N, C-alpha and C. Protein backbone atom coordinates (compact mmCIF):
# COMPACT_ATOMS: atom_id res chain seq x y z
N MET A 1 -57.25 12.23 74.24
CA MET A 1 -58.38 12.18 73.26
C MET A 1 -58.22 13.19 72.24
N SER A 2 -57.66 14.40 72.47
CA SER A 2 -57.61 15.26 71.14
C SER A 2 -56.67 14.51 69.77
N GLN A 3 -55.70 13.76 70.31
CA GLN A 3 -55.11 13.02 69.26
C GLN A 3 -55.90 11.96 68.64
N PHE A 4 -56.64 11.35 69.25
CA PHE A 4 -57.37 10.43 68.93
C PHE A 4 -58.47 10.96 67.63
N LEU A 5 -59.23 12.20 68.18
CA LEU A 5 -59.95 12.70 67.25
C LEU A 5 -59.25 13.30 65.96
N ILE A 6 -57.99 13.65 66.14
CA ILE A 6 -57.19 14.21 64.80
C ILE A 6 -57.17 13.08 63.89
N ILE A 7 -56.67 11.96 64.40
CA ILE A 7 -56.32 10.69 63.79
C ILE A 7 -57.99 10.27 62.61
N LEU A 8 -58.99 10.40 63.80
CA LEU A 8 -60.17 9.94 63.22
C LEU A 8 -60.68 10.94 61.95
N ASP A 9 -60.53 12.30 62.36
CA ASP A 9 -60.59 13.24 61.01
C ASP A 9 -60.11 13.16 59.84
N THR A 10 -58.58 12.77 59.96
CA THR A 10 -57.71 12.68 59.09
C THR A 10 -58.19 10.94 58.07
N VAL A 11 -58.71 9.92 58.88
CA VAL A 11 -58.96 8.92 57.99
C VAL A 11 -60.42 9.09 57.45
N LEU A 12 -61.23 10.03 58.31
CA LEU A 12 -62.61 10.14 57.45
C LEU A 12 -62.42 11.12 56.34
N ILE A 13 -61.48 12.28 56.42
CA ILE A 13 -61.10 12.94 54.95
C ILE A 13 -60.53 11.91 53.98
N ILE A 14 -59.58 11.36 54.37
CA ILE A 14 -59.04 10.29 53.21
C ILE A 14 -60.10 9.57 52.43
N ILE A 15 -60.99 8.76 53.30
CA ILE A 15 -61.85 7.80 52.83
C ILE A 15 -62.93 8.92 51.83
N ILE A 16 -63.06 9.99 52.33
CA ILE A 16 -64.24 11.00 51.65
C ILE A 16 -63.34 11.40 50.13
N LEU A 17 -62.07 11.65 50.25
CA LEU A 17 -61.57 12.11 49.03
C LEU A 17 -61.50 10.83 48.26
N GLY A 18 -61.23 9.67 48.70
CA GLY A 18 -61.11 8.46 47.87
C GLY A 18 -62.24 8.19 46.97
N ILE A 19 -63.43 8.29 47.91
CA ILE A 19 -64.87 8.26 47.24
C ILE A 19 -64.80 9.19 46.03
N GLY A 20 -64.56 10.22 46.68
CA GLY A 20 -64.57 11.58 45.30
C GLY A 20 -63.84 11.17 44.39
N GLY A 21 -62.54 10.72 44.30
CA GLY A 21 -61.42 10.40 43.27
C GLY A 21 -62.25 9.49 42.31
N VAL A 22 -62.67 8.24 42.98
CA VAL A 22 -63.33 7.17 41.88
C VAL A 22 -64.74 7.73 41.36
N TRP A 23 -65.39 8.66 41.74
CA TRP A 23 -66.37 9.45 41.27
C TRP A 23 -66.14 10.15 40.14
N LEU A 24 -64.98 11.02 40.48
CA LEU A 24 -64.32 11.86 39.35
C LEU A 24 -63.85 11.14 38.24
N PHE A 25 -62.96 10.11 38.50
CA PHE A 25 -62.38 9.17 37.70
C PHE A 25 -63.38 8.69 36.35
N ASN A 26 -64.77 8.00 37.13
CA ASN A 26 -65.54 7.47 36.02
C ASN A 26 -66.41 8.60 35.61
N LYS A 27 -66.55 9.50 35.93
CA LYS A 27 -67.11 10.78 35.27
C LYS A 27 -66.33 11.02 34.21
N ILE A 28 -65.08 11.23 34.28
CA ILE A 28 -64.01 11.55 33.14
C ILE A 28 -64.09 10.42 32.07
N GLN A 29 -63.99 9.08 32.63
CA GLN A 29 -63.66 8.00 31.66
C GLN A 29 -65.21 8.23 30.92
N ALA A 30 -66.36 8.60 31.61
CA ALA A 30 -67.47 8.46 30.52
C ALA A 30 -67.61 9.36 29.66
N LYS A 31 -67.27 10.49 29.88
CA LYS A 31 -67.12 11.39 28.98
C LYS A 31 -66.33 11.03 27.79
N ARG A 32 -65.16 10.62 28.12
CA ARG A 32 -64.10 10.34 26.79
C ARG A 32 -64.72 9.01 25.79
N LEU A 33 -65.36 8.18 26.58
CA LEU A 33 -65.85 6.78 25.96
C LEU A 33 -67.26 6.95 24.98
N GLY A 34 -67.80 7.71 25.19
CA GLY A 34 -69.21 7.81 24.48
C GLY A 34 -70.35 8.53 25.36
N GLY A 35 -70.60 7.80 26.22
CA GLY A 35 -71.51 8.41 26.89
C GLY A 35 -72.78 7.35 27.41
N ALA A 36 -73.35 7.92 28.56
CA ALA A 36 -74.57 7.31 29.05
C ALA A 36 -76.06 7.85 28.15
N LEU A 37 -76.85 6.83 28.02
CA LEU A 37 -77.82 7.29 27.04
C LEU A 37 -79.20 7.24 28.17
N THR A 38 -80.12 7.77 28.05
CA THR A 38 -81.50 7.79 28.77
C THR A 38 -82.08 6.60 28.47
N ASN A 39 -83.24 6.51 28.97
CA ASN A 39 -84.17 5.21 28.51
C ASN A 39 -84.45 5.43 27.11
N GLU A 40 -84.87 6.71 26.93
CA GLU A 40 -85.44 7.00 25.45
C GLU A 40 -84.23 6.94 24.40
N GLU A 41 -83.43 7.61 24.69
CA GLU A 41 -82.05 7.64 23.83
C GLU A 41 -81.73 6.19 23.36
N PHE A 42 -81.81 5.41 24.58
CA PHE A 42 -81.38 3.67 24.32
C PHE A 42 -82.48 3.09 23.31
N LYS A 43 -83.58 3.62 23.69
CA LYS A 43 -84.73 2.89 22.78
C LYS A 43 -84.77 3.38 21.34
N ASP A 44 -84.51 4.29 21.42
CA ASP A 44 -84.43 5.22 19.80
C ASP A 44 -83.33 4.77 19.08
N GLY A 45 -82.05 4.24 19.32
CA GLY A 45 -81.00 3.72 18.67
C GLY A 45 -80.97 2.35 18.88
N MET A 46 -81.56 1.62 19.58
CA MET A 46 -81.32 -0.03 19.74
C MET A 46 -81.72 -0.59 18.69
N ARG A 47 -82.46 -0.14 17.54
CA ARG A 47 -82.65 -0.94 16.24
C ARG A 47 -81.18 -0.92 15.52
N LYS A 48 -80.35 0.14 15.50
CA LYS A 48 -79.28 0.20 14.78
C LYS A 48 -78.10 -0.27 15.55
N ALA A 49 -78.17 -0.80 16.95
CA ALA A 49 -77.13 -1.33 17.49
C ALA A 49 -77.04 -2.48 18.03
N GLN A 50 -75.91 -2.93 18.45
CA GLN A 50 -75.76 -4.16 19.30
C GLN A 50 -75.94 -3.95 20.80
N ILE A 51 -77.06 -4.81 21.28
CA ILE A 51 -77.46 -4.49 22.68
C ILE A 51 -76.91 -5.77 23.31
N VAL A 52 -75.85 -5.40 24.30
CA VAL A 52 -74.79 -6.16 25.04
C VAL A 52 -75.28 -6.14 26.58
N ASP A 53 -75.86 -7.46 27.05
CA ASP A 53 -76.09 -7.45 28.41
C ASP A 53 -74.76 -8.13 29.22
N LEU A 54 -74.22 -7.13 30.07
CA LEU A 54 -73.05 -7.64 30.62
C LEU A 54 -73.14 -8.77 31.97
N ARG A 55 -74.27 -8.95 32.29
CA ARG A 55 -74.45 -9.50 33.50
C ARG A 55 -74.20 -11.18 33.13
N GLU A 56 -74.19 -11.77 34.20
CA GLU A 56 -74.01 -13.08 34.44
C GLU A 56 -75.33 -13.94 33.58
N LYS A 57 -74.97 -15.25 33.51
CA LYS A 57 -76.03 -16.05 32.77
C LYS A 57 -77.47 -15.98 33.39
N GLN A 58 -77.32 -16.17 34.68
CA GLN A 58 -78.63 -16.54 35.38
C GLN A 58 -79.36 -15.10 35.62
N PRO A 59 -78.99 -13.98 35.81
CA PRO A 59 -79.77 -12.83 35.84
C PRO A 59 -80.22 -12.55 34.47
N PHE A 60 -79.49 -12.66 33.45
CA PHE A 60 -79.79 -12.73 32.14
C PHE A 60 -81.18 -13.48 31.72
N LYS A 61 -81.18 -14.58 32.16
CA LYS A 61 -82.40 -15.77 31.96
C LYS A 61 -83.48 -15.61 32.64
N ARG A 62 -83.45 -14.70 33.81
CA ARG A 62 -84.50 -14.17 34.58
C ARG A 62 -85.22 -13.16 33.95
N LYS A 63 -84.44 -12.08 33.17
CA LYS A 63 -84.85 -10.95 32.70
C LYS A 63 -83.80 -10.24 31.96
N HIS A 64 -84.34 -9.75 30.81
CA HIS A 64 -83.27 -8.93 29.92
C HIS A 64 -84.08 -7.87 29.03
N ILE A 65 -83.24 -7.10 28.56
CA ILE A 65 -84.11 -6.24 27.33
C ILE A 65 -83.86 -7.07 26.15
N ASP A 66 -85.35 -6.96 25.72
CA ASP A 66 -85.62 -7.58 24.40
C ASP A 66 -84.64 -7.07 23.30
N GLY A 67 -84.14 -8.33 22.76
CA GLY A 67 -83.18 -8.16 21.74
C GLY A 67 -81.77 -7.89 22.09
N ALA A 68 -81.18 -8.11 23.47
CA ALA A 68 -80.20 -8.29 23.82
C ALA A 68 -79.38 -9.48 23.96
N ARG A 69 -78.26 -9.35 23.73
CA ARG A 69 -77.33 -10.54 23.77
C ARG A 69 -76.66 -10.62 24.92
N ASN A 70 -76.53 -11.92 25.61
CA ASN A 70 -75.69 -12.14 26.81
C ASN A 70 -74.28 -12.28 26.62
N LEU A 71 -73.58 -11.41 27.03
CA LEU A 71 -72.01 -11.31 26.93
C LEU A 71 -71.33 -10.75 28.19
N PRO A 72 -71.16 -11.77 29.34
CA PRO A 72 -70.92 -11.55 30.52
C PRO A 72 -69.54 -10.81 30.61
N TYR A 73 -69.48 -9.72 31.41
CA TYR A 73 -68.26 -8.99 31.36
C TYR A 73 -66.93 -10.15 31.79
N THR A 74 -67.10 -11.02 32.70
CA THR A 74 -66.07 -12.03 32.96
C THR A 74 -65.68 -12.64 31.58
N MET A 75 -66.37 -12.96 30.48
CA MET A 75 -66.23 -13.24 29.15
C MET A 75 -65.97 -12.52 28.01
N LEU A 76 -66.00 -11.15 28.40
CA LEU A 76 -65.89 -10.32 27.23
C LEU A 76 -64.57 -10.24 26.70
N LYS A 77 -63.33 -10.44 27.12
CA LYS A 77 -62.12 -10.58 26.43
C LYS A 77 -61.99 -11.63 25.79
N TYR A 78 -62.76 -12.73 25.90
CA TYR A 78 -62.52 -13.75 25.25
C TYR A 78 -63.59 -13.82 24.15
N ASN A 79 -64.64 -13.20 24.03
CA ASN A 79 -65.87 -13.21 23.22
C ASN A 79 -65.94 -12.02 22.28
N TYR A 80 -65.21 -10.91 22.66
CA TYR A 80 -65.81 -9.59 22.18
C TYR A 80 -65.52 -9.57 20.65
N THR A 81 -65.00 -10.56 19.95
CA THR A 81 -64.74 -10.75 18.32
C THR A 81 -66.30 -10.95 17.97
N GLU A 82 -67.18 -11.58 18.83
CA GLU A 82 -68.67 -11.91 18.21
C GLU A 82 -69.28 -10.40 18.00
N LEU A 83 -68.73 -9.37 18.35
CA LEU A 83 -69.42 -8.18 18.23
C LEU A 83 -68.98 -7.26 16.68
N ARG A 84 -69.69 -6.73 15.87
CA ARG A 84 -68.92 -6.04 14.90
C ARG A 84 -68.40 -4.73 15.50
N SER A 85 -67.23 -4.25 14.94
CA SER A 85 -66.68 -3.07 15.51
C SER A 85 -67.46 -1.93 14.64
N ASP A 86 -67.86 -1.93 13.62
CA ASP A 86 -68.24 -1.08 12.56
C ASP A 86 -69.81 -0.67 12.93
N LEU A 87 -70.31 -1.41 13.95
CA LEU A 87 -71.75 -1.04 14.39
C LEU A 87 -71.81 -0.41 15.84
N PRO A 88 -72.73 0.45 16.22
CA PRO A 88 -72.74 1.02 17.60
C PRO A 88 -73.08 -0.16 18.73
N VAL A 89 -72.37 0.02 19.67
CA VAL A 89 -72.67 -1.18 20.92
C VAL A 89 -72.98 -0.19 22.38
N TYR A 90 -74.54 -0.79 22.44
CA TYR A 90 -75.24 -0.49 23.68
C TYR A 90 -75.07 -1.48 24.84
N LEU A 91 -74.33 -1.02 25.81
CA LEU A 91 -73.97 -1.91 26.86
C LEU A 91 -75.08 -1.45 27.80
N TYR A 92 -75.27 -2.64 28.96
CA TYR A 92 -75.89 -2.57 30.44
C TYR A 92 -75.51 -3.61 31.19
N SER A 93 -75.61 -3.05 32.39
CA SER A 93 -75.54 -4.33 33.47
C SER A 93 -76.03 -3.73 35.04
N ASP A 94 -75.56 -4.29 35.87
CA ASP A 94 -76.07 -3.72 37.15
C ASP A 94 -75.36 -2.92 37.79
N SER A 95 -74.12 -2.68 37.31
CA SER A 95 -73.08 -2.12 37.98
C SER A 95 -72.16 -0.79 37.09
N VAL A 96 -72.20 0.19 37.07
CA VAL A 96 -71.67 1.38 36.52
C VAL A 96 -70.28 0.89 36.28
N THR A 97 -69.41 0.53 37.16
CA THR A 97 -68.11 0.46 37.15
C THR A 97 -67.75 -0.70 36.14
N VAL A 98 -68.59 -1.85 36.12
CA VAL A 98 -68.51 -2.97 35.34
C VAL A 98 -68.73 -2.55 33.81
N THR A 99 -69.55 -1.72 33.47
CA THR A 99 -70.07 -1.32 32.17
C THR A 99 -69.04 -0.22 31.70
N LEU A 100 -68.63 0.58 32.55
CA LEU A 100 -67.23 1.60 32.07
C LEU A 100 -66.05 0.76 31.85
N ARG A 101 -65.84 -0.38 32.60
CA ARG A 101 -64.52 -1.15 32.26
C ARG A 101 -64.75 -1.78 30.94
N ALA A 102 -66.04 -2.32 30.72
CA ALA A 102 -66.19 -3.08 29.48
C ALA A 102 -66.17 -1.83 28.09
N ALA A 103 -66.73 -1.02 28.36
CA ALA A 103 -66.66 0.24 27.53
C ALA A 103 -64.94 0.49 27.16
N ARG A 104 -64.42 0.67 28.43
CA ARG A 104 -62.70 1.08 27.96
C ARG A 104 -62.35 -0.27 27.14
N PHE A 105 -62.60 -1.27 27.68
CA PHE A 105 -62.03 -2.64 26.78
C PHE A 105 -62.16 -2.52 25.43
N LEU A 106 -63.49 -2.33 25.31
CA LEU A 106 -63.97 -2.22 23.73
C LEU A 106 -63.58 -0.84 23.24
N LYS A 107 -63.16 -0.05 23.70
CA LYS A 107 -62.37 1.26 23.03
C LYS A 107 -61.03 0.99 22.63
N LYS A 108 -60.53 0.30 23.19
CA LYS A 108 -58.95 -0.09 23.19
C LYS A 108 -58.97 -1.49 21.85
N LYS A 109 -59.83 -1.96 21.91
CA LYS A 109 -60.11 -2.97 20.73
C LYS A 109 -60.51 -2.38 19.59
N GLY A 110 -60.82 -1.16 19.33
CA GLY A 110 -61.22 -0.41 18.13
C GLY A 110 -62.37 -0.13 17.71
N PHE A 111 -63.36 -0.51 18.62
CA PHE A 111 -64.73 -0.07 18.68
C PHE A 111 -64.83 1.42 18.83
N LYS A 112 -65.53 2.01 17.94
CA LYS A 112 -65.75 3.46 17.83
C LYS A 112 -67.24 3.75 18.63
N SER A 113 -68.17 3.40 18.24
CA SER A 113 -69.31 3.96 19.00
C SER A 113 -69.78 3.01 20.03
N ILE A 114 -69.64 3.50 21.39
CA ILE A 114 -69.95 2.72 22.56
C ILE A 114 -70.66 3.55 23.43
N HIS A 115 -72.03 3.14 23.70
CA HIS A 115 -72.71 3.71 24.77
C HIS A 115 -73.19 2.80 25.96
N TRP A 116 -73.95 3.02 26.77
CA TRP A 116 -74.58 2.60 27.95
C TRP A 116 -75.71 2.90 28.24
N LEU A 117 -76.46 2.33 29.29
CA LEU A 117 -77.97 2.81 29.61
C LEU A 117 -77.53 3.36 31.09
N ASP A 118 -78.12 4.48 31.16
CA ASP A 118 -77.82 5.51 32.27
C ASP A 118 -78.43 4.77 33.49
N GLY A 119 -77.85 4.49 34.53
CA GLY A 119 -78.58 3.79 35.60
C GLY A 119 -78.33 2.23 35.73
N GLY A 120 -78.16 1.61 34.45
CA GLY A 120 -78.07 0.22 34.31
C GLY A 120 -79.54 -0.41 34.16
N PHE A 121 -79.66 -1.54 34.09
CA PHE A 121 -80.93 -2.64 33.71
C PHE A 121 -81.70 -2.01 34.82
N GLU A 122 -81.52 -1.79 36.00
CA GLU A 122 -82.61 -1.41 37.18
C GLU A 122 -83.52 -0.26 36.61
N ASN A 123 -82.84 0.42 35.84
CA ASN A 123 -83.62 1.88 35.24
C ASN A 123 -84.23 1.64 34.07
N TRP A 124 -84.49 0.48 33.44
CA TRP A 124 -84.67 0.31 32.36
C TRP A 124 -86.31 0.30 32.59
N LYS A 125 -87.08 0.95 31.37
CA LYS A 125 -88.34 1.40 31.54
C LYS A 125 -89.20 0.72 30.22
N GLY A 126 -88.17 -0.08 29.42
CA GLY A 126 -88.82 -0.58 28.01
C GLY A 126 -89.52 -2.20 28.17
N ARG A 127 -89.23 -2.79 26.80
CA ARG A 127 -89.61 -4.25 26.96
C ARG A 127 -88.61 -5.10 27.39
N THR A 128 -88.96 -6.03 27.99
CA THR A 128 -88.12 -6.93 28.64
C THR A 128 -88.43 -8.45 28.27
N LYS A 129 -87.76 -9.51 28.53
CA LYS A 129 -87.94 -10.84 28.11
C LYS A 129 -87.37 -11.56 29.13
N ALA A 130 -88.02 -12.61 29.12
CA ALA A 130 -87.43 -13.91 30.02
C ALA A 130 -86.64 -15.06 29.12
N SER A 131 -85.75 -15.60 29.28
CA SER A 131 -85.46 -16.90 28.47
C SER A 131 -86.25 -18.09 28.86
N LYS A 132 -86.40 -18.94 27.80
CA LYS A 132 -87.12 -20.01 28.39
C LYS A 132 -86.64 -21.19 28.71
N TYR A 133 -85.15 -21.18 28.87
CA TYR A 133 -84.19 -22.41 29.30
C TYR A 133 -83.45 -21.77 30.42
């Protein structure tokens, strides 16, 4: 019985360390890439930036930030040239991991100013719009 508890404790410690490692990796990557913006910071800078919704087409059609363009993460590597690298890029999606991956990808492609909405679209408190089609 005690050997079982030692194995169980070891597995739980490995799981906790794994989760902590992923969290720490995301925090470090976020600092290096540009940074998360609060709702207010996002609203203040969005007139001068390219706003990119990384979600798939259907969630975008249901509701999105007014002025955003839909460029799903799954298609980003094929369509990133639609974005101007000399202008700031403001990203958002439903997943922090997806947003950070997109930011890393754009950084590798030469984009200088990349930011994202802290907490993703779920946290957005500004104007939204639904597509007509």
